[in-house]
Amino acid sequence: MELNLALVQMRIAPSDPILNMRRMEEFIRKAKAKGADLVILP
């Protein structure tokens, strides 16, 4: 079984959780498009 991982390093906005979620969603979309099965976020 093969598992493709995507490890994300991103700048967190401590006072803006909505912005953080939007950034994470975009990283997840891009990783999925490149074949990731699992995305690891901070």
PDB file of N, CA and C in Angstrom:
ATOM      1  N   MET A   1       0.848  -1.186   0.000  1.00  0.00           N
ATOM      2  CA  MET A   1       0.000   0.000   0.000  1.00  0.00           C
ATOM      3  C   MET A   1       0.887   1.241   0.000  1.00  0.00           C
ATOM      4  N   GLU A   2       0.559   2.174  -0.851  1.00  0.00           N
ATOM      5  CA  GLU A   2       1.311   3.424  -0.943  1.00  0.00           C
ATOM      6  C   GLU A   2       0.468   4.556  -0.374  1.00  0.00           C
ATOM      7  N   LEU A   3       1.123   5.411   0.402  1.00  0.00           N
ATOM      8  CA  LEU A   3       0.450   6.559   1.003  1.00  0.00           C
ATOM      9  C   LEU A   3       1.236   7.804   0.647  1.00  0.00           C
ATOM     10  N   ASN A   4       0.585   8.755   0.017  1.00  0.00           N
ATOM     11  CA  ASN A   4       1.228  10.012  -0.352  1.00  0.00           C
ATOM     12  C   ASN A   4       0.904  11.071   0.687  1.00  0.00           C
ATOM     13  N   LEU A   5       1.961  11.641   1.280  1.00  0.00           N
ATOM     14  CA  LEU A   5       1.807  12.653   2.321  1.00  0.00           C
ATOM     15  C   LEU A   5       2.131  14.031   1.780  1.00  0.00           C
ATOM     16  N   ALA A   6       1.476  15.028   2.337  1.00  0.00           N
ATOM     17  CA  ALA A   6       1.820  16.419   2.077  1.00  0.00           C
ATOM     18  C   ALA A   6       2.060  17.070   3.433  1.00  0.00           C
ATOM     19  N   LEU A   7       3.239  17.634   3.606  1.00  0.00           N
ATOM     20  CA  LEU A   7       3.580  18.321   4.843  1.00  0.00           C
ATOM     21  C   LEU A   7       3.529  19.814   4.580  1.00  0.00           C
ATOM     22  N   VAL A   8       2.754  20.524   5.375  1.00  0.00           N
ATOM     23  CA  VAL A   8       2.534  21.951   5.144  1.00  0.00           C
ATOM     24  C   VAL A   8       3.232  22.774   6.218  1.00  0.00           C
ATOM     25  N   GLN A   9       3.974  23.760   5.779  1.00  0.00           N
ATOM     26  CA  GLN A   9       4.541  24.760   6.679  1.00  0.00           C
ATOM     27  C   GLN A   9       3.918  26.080   6.261  1.00  0.00           C
ATOM     28  N   MET A  10       3.269  26.736   7.181  1.00  0.00           N
ATOM     29  CA  MET A  10       2.588  27.973   6.841  1.00  0.00           C
ATOM     30  C   MET A  10       2.702  28.968   7.985  1.00  0.00           C
ATOM     31  N   ARG A  11       2.556  30.219   7.624  1.00  0.00           N
ATOM     32  CA  ARG A  11       2.564  31.282   8.626  1.00  0.00           C
ATOM     33  C   ARG A  11       1.170  31.349   9.257  1.00  0.00           C
ATOM     34  N   ILE A  12       1.114  31.271  10.566  1.00  0.00           N
ATOM     35  CA  ILE A  12      -0.148  31.326  11.303  1.00  0.00           C
ATOM     36  C   ILE A  12      -0.421  32.771  11.711  1.00  0.00           C
ATOM     37  N   ALA A  13      -1.661  33.197  11.539  1.00  0.00           N
ATOM     38  CA  ALA A  13      -2.097  34.510  12.013  1.00  0.00           C
ATOM     39  C   ALA A  13      -2.746  34.294  13.382  1.00  0.00           C
ATOM     40  N   PRO A  14      -2.031  34.569  14.473  1.00  0.00           N
ATOM     41  CA  PRO A  14      -2.539  34.250  15.817  1.00  0.00           C
ATOM     42  C   PRO A  14      -3.899  34.855  16.144  1.00  0.00           C
ATOM     43  N   SER A  15      -4.197  36.017  15.600  1.00  0.00           N
ATOM     44  CA  SER A  15      -5.449  36.679  15.967  1.00  0.00           C
ATOM     45  C   SER A  15      -6.535  36.541  14.903  1.00  0.00           C
ATOM     46  N   ASP A  16      -6.321  35.663  13.910  1.00  0.00           N
ATOM     47  CA  ASP A  16      -7.297  35.544  12.822  1.00  0.00           C
ATOM     48  C   ASP A  16      -7.527  34.081  12.434  1.00  0.00           C
ATOM     49  N   PRO A  17      -8.300  33.358  13.231  1.00  0.00           N
ATOM     50  CA  PRO A  17      -8.524  31.940  12.937  1.00  0.00           C
ATOM     51  C   PRO A  17      -9.231  31.694  11.607  1.00  0.00           C
ATOM     52  N   ILE A  18     -10.072  32.619  11.174  1.00  0.00           N
ATOM     53  CA  ILE A  18     -10.763  32.447   9.897  1.00  0.00           C
ATOM     54  C   ILE A  18      -9.757  32.472   8.754  1.00  0.00           C
ATOM     55  N   LEU A  19      -8.823  33.406   8.783  1.00  0.00           N
ATOM     56  CA  LEU A  19      -7.768  33.467   7.774  1.00  0.00           C
ATOM     57  C   LEU A  19      -6.948  32.188   7.786  1.00  0.00           C
ATOM     58  N   ASN A  20      -6.615  31.690   8.962  1.00  0.00           N
ATOM     59  CA  ASN A  20      -5.852  30.441   9.072  1.00  0.00           C
ATOM     60  C   ASN A  20      -6.598  29.283   8.421  1.00  0.00           C
ATOM     61  N   MET A  21      -7.887  29.197   8.667  1.00  0.00           N
ATOM     62  CA  MET A  21      -8.681  28.119   8.074  1.00  0.00           C
ATOM     63  C   MET A  21      -8.717  28.235   6.549  1.00  0.00           C
ATOM     64  N   ARG A  22      -8.849  29.437   6.033  1.00  0.00           N
ATOM     65  CA  ARG A  22      -8.856  29.632   4.577  1.00  0.00           C
ATOM     66  C   ARG A  22      -7.526  29.192   3.965  1.00  0.00           C
ATOM     67  N   ARG A  23      -6.439  29.560   4.625  1.00  0.00           N
ATOM     68  CA  ARG A  23      -5.116  29.157   4.136  1.00  0.00           C
ATOM     69  C   ARG A  23      -4.979  27.639   4.148  1.00  0.00           C
ATOM     70  N   MET A  24      -5.417  27.023   5.248  1.00  0.00           N
ATOM     71  CA  MET A  24      -5.325  25.563   5.353  1.00  0.00           C
ATOM     72  C   MET A  24      -6.162  24.885   4.269  1.00  0.00           C
ATOM     73  N   GLU A  25      -7.367  25.386   4.033  1.00  0.00           N
ATOM     74  CA  GLU A  25      -8.223  24.809   3.001  1.00  0.00           C
ATOM     75  C   GLU A  25      -7.555  24.877   1.636  1.00  0.00           C
ATOM     76  N   GLU A  26      -6.905  25.990   1.346  1.00  0.00           N
ATOM     77  CA  GLU A  26      -6.227  26.132   0.058  1.00  0.00           C
ATOM     78  C   GLU A  26      -5.062  25.151  -0.062  1.00  0.00           C
ATOM     79  N   PHE A  27      -4.282  25.001   1.004  1.00  0.00           N
ATOM     80  CA  PHE A  27      -3.181  24.029   0.990  1.00  0.00           C
ATOM     81  C   PHE A  27      -3.709  22.609   0.791  1.00  0.00           C
ATOM     82  N   ILE A  28      -4.816  22.288   1.439  1.00  0.00           N
ATOM     83  CA  ILE A  28      -5.406  20.954   1.315  1.00  0.00           C
ATOM     84  C   ILE A  28      -5.884  20.713  -0.117  1.00  0.00           C
ATOM     85  N   ARG A  29      -6.540  21.699  -0.705  1.00  0.00           N
ATOM     86  CA  ARG A  29      -7.000  21.567  -2.102  1.00  0.00           C
ATOM     87  C   ARG A  29      -5.828  21.319  -3.049  1.00  0.00           C
ATOM     88  N   LYS A  30      -4.753  22.103  -2.885  1.00  0.00           N
ATOM     89  CA  LYS A  30      -3.580  21.952  -3.754  1.00  0.00           C
ATOM     90  C   LYS A  30      -2.926  20.591  -3.553  1.00  0.00           C
ATOM     91  N   ALA A  31      -2.815  20.153  -2.312  1.00  0.00           N
ATOM     92  CA  ALA A  31      -2.195  18.859  -2.032  1.00  0.00           C
ATOM     93  C   ALA A  31      -3.024  17.723  -2.621  1.00  0.00           C
ATOM     94  N   LYS A  32      -4.328  17.797  -2.483  1.00  0.00           N
ATOM     95  CA  LYS A  32      -5.209  16.764  -3.036  1.00  0.00           C
ATOM     96  C   LYS A  32      -5.068  16.709  -4.550  1.00  0.00           C
ATOM     97  N   ALA A  33      -5.003  17.878  -5.200  1.00  0.00           N
ATOM     98  CA  ALA A  33      -4.852  17.932  -6.653  1.00  0.00           C
ATOM     99  C   ALA A  33      -3.542  17.290  -7.105  1.00  0.00           C
ATOM    100  N   LYS A  34      -2.546  17.284  -6.221  1.00  0.00           N
ATOM    101  CA  LYS A  34      -1.250  16.681  -6.566  1.00  0.00           C
ATOM    102  C   LYS A  34      -1.154  15.222  -6.100  1.00  0.00           C
ATOM    103  N   GLY A  35      -2.250  14.685  -5.572  1.00  0.00           N
ATOM    104  CA  GLY A  35      -2.285  13.274  -5.224  1.00  0.00           C
ATOM    105  C   GLY A  35      -2.066  12.924  -3.772  1.00  0.00           C
ATOM    106  N   ALA A  36      -2.127  13.885  -2.880  1.00  0.00           N
ATOM    107  CA  ALA A  36      -1.908  13.605  -1.465  1.00  0.00           C
ATOM    108  C   ALA A  36      -3.089  12.821  -0.884  1.00  0.00           C
ATOM    109  N   ASP A  37      -2.757  11.826  -0.068  1.00  0.00           N
ATOM    110  CA  ASP A  37      -3.771  11.064   0.664  1.00  0.00           C
ATOM    111  C   ASP A  37      -3.958  11.615   2.070  1.00  0.00           C
ATOM    112  N   LEU A  38      -2.918  12.239   2.593  1.00  0.00           N
ATOM    113  CA  LEU A  38      -2.917  12.767   3.948  1.00  0.00           C
ATOM    114  C   LEU A  38      -2.151  14.081   3.955  1.00  0.00           C
ATOM    115  N   VAL A  39      -2.750  15.116   4.571  1.00  0.00           N
ATOM    116  CA  VAL A  39      -2.105  16.427   4.668  1.00  0.00           C
ATOM    117  C   VAL A  39      -1.842  16.712   6.137  1.00  0.00           C
ATOM    118  N   ILE A  40      -0.573  17.024   6.459  1.00  0.00           N
ATOM    119  CA  ILE A  40      -0.169  17.325   7.825  1.00  0.00           C
ATOM    120  C   ILE A  40      -0.001  18.838   7.941  1.00  0.00           C
ATOM    121  N   LEU A  41      -0.740  19.441   8.854  1.00  0.00           N
ATOM    122  CA  LEU A  41      -0.712  20.894   9.056  1.00  0.00           C
ATOM    123  C   LEU A  41      -0.176  21.209  10.455  1.00  0.00           C
ATOM    124  N   PRO A  42       0.283  22.470  10.650  1.00  0.00           N
ATOM    125  CA  PRO A  42       0.770  22.845  11.982  1.00  0.00           C
ATOM    126  C   PRO A  42      -0.355  22.851  13.004  1.00  0.00           C
TER     127      PRO A  42
END
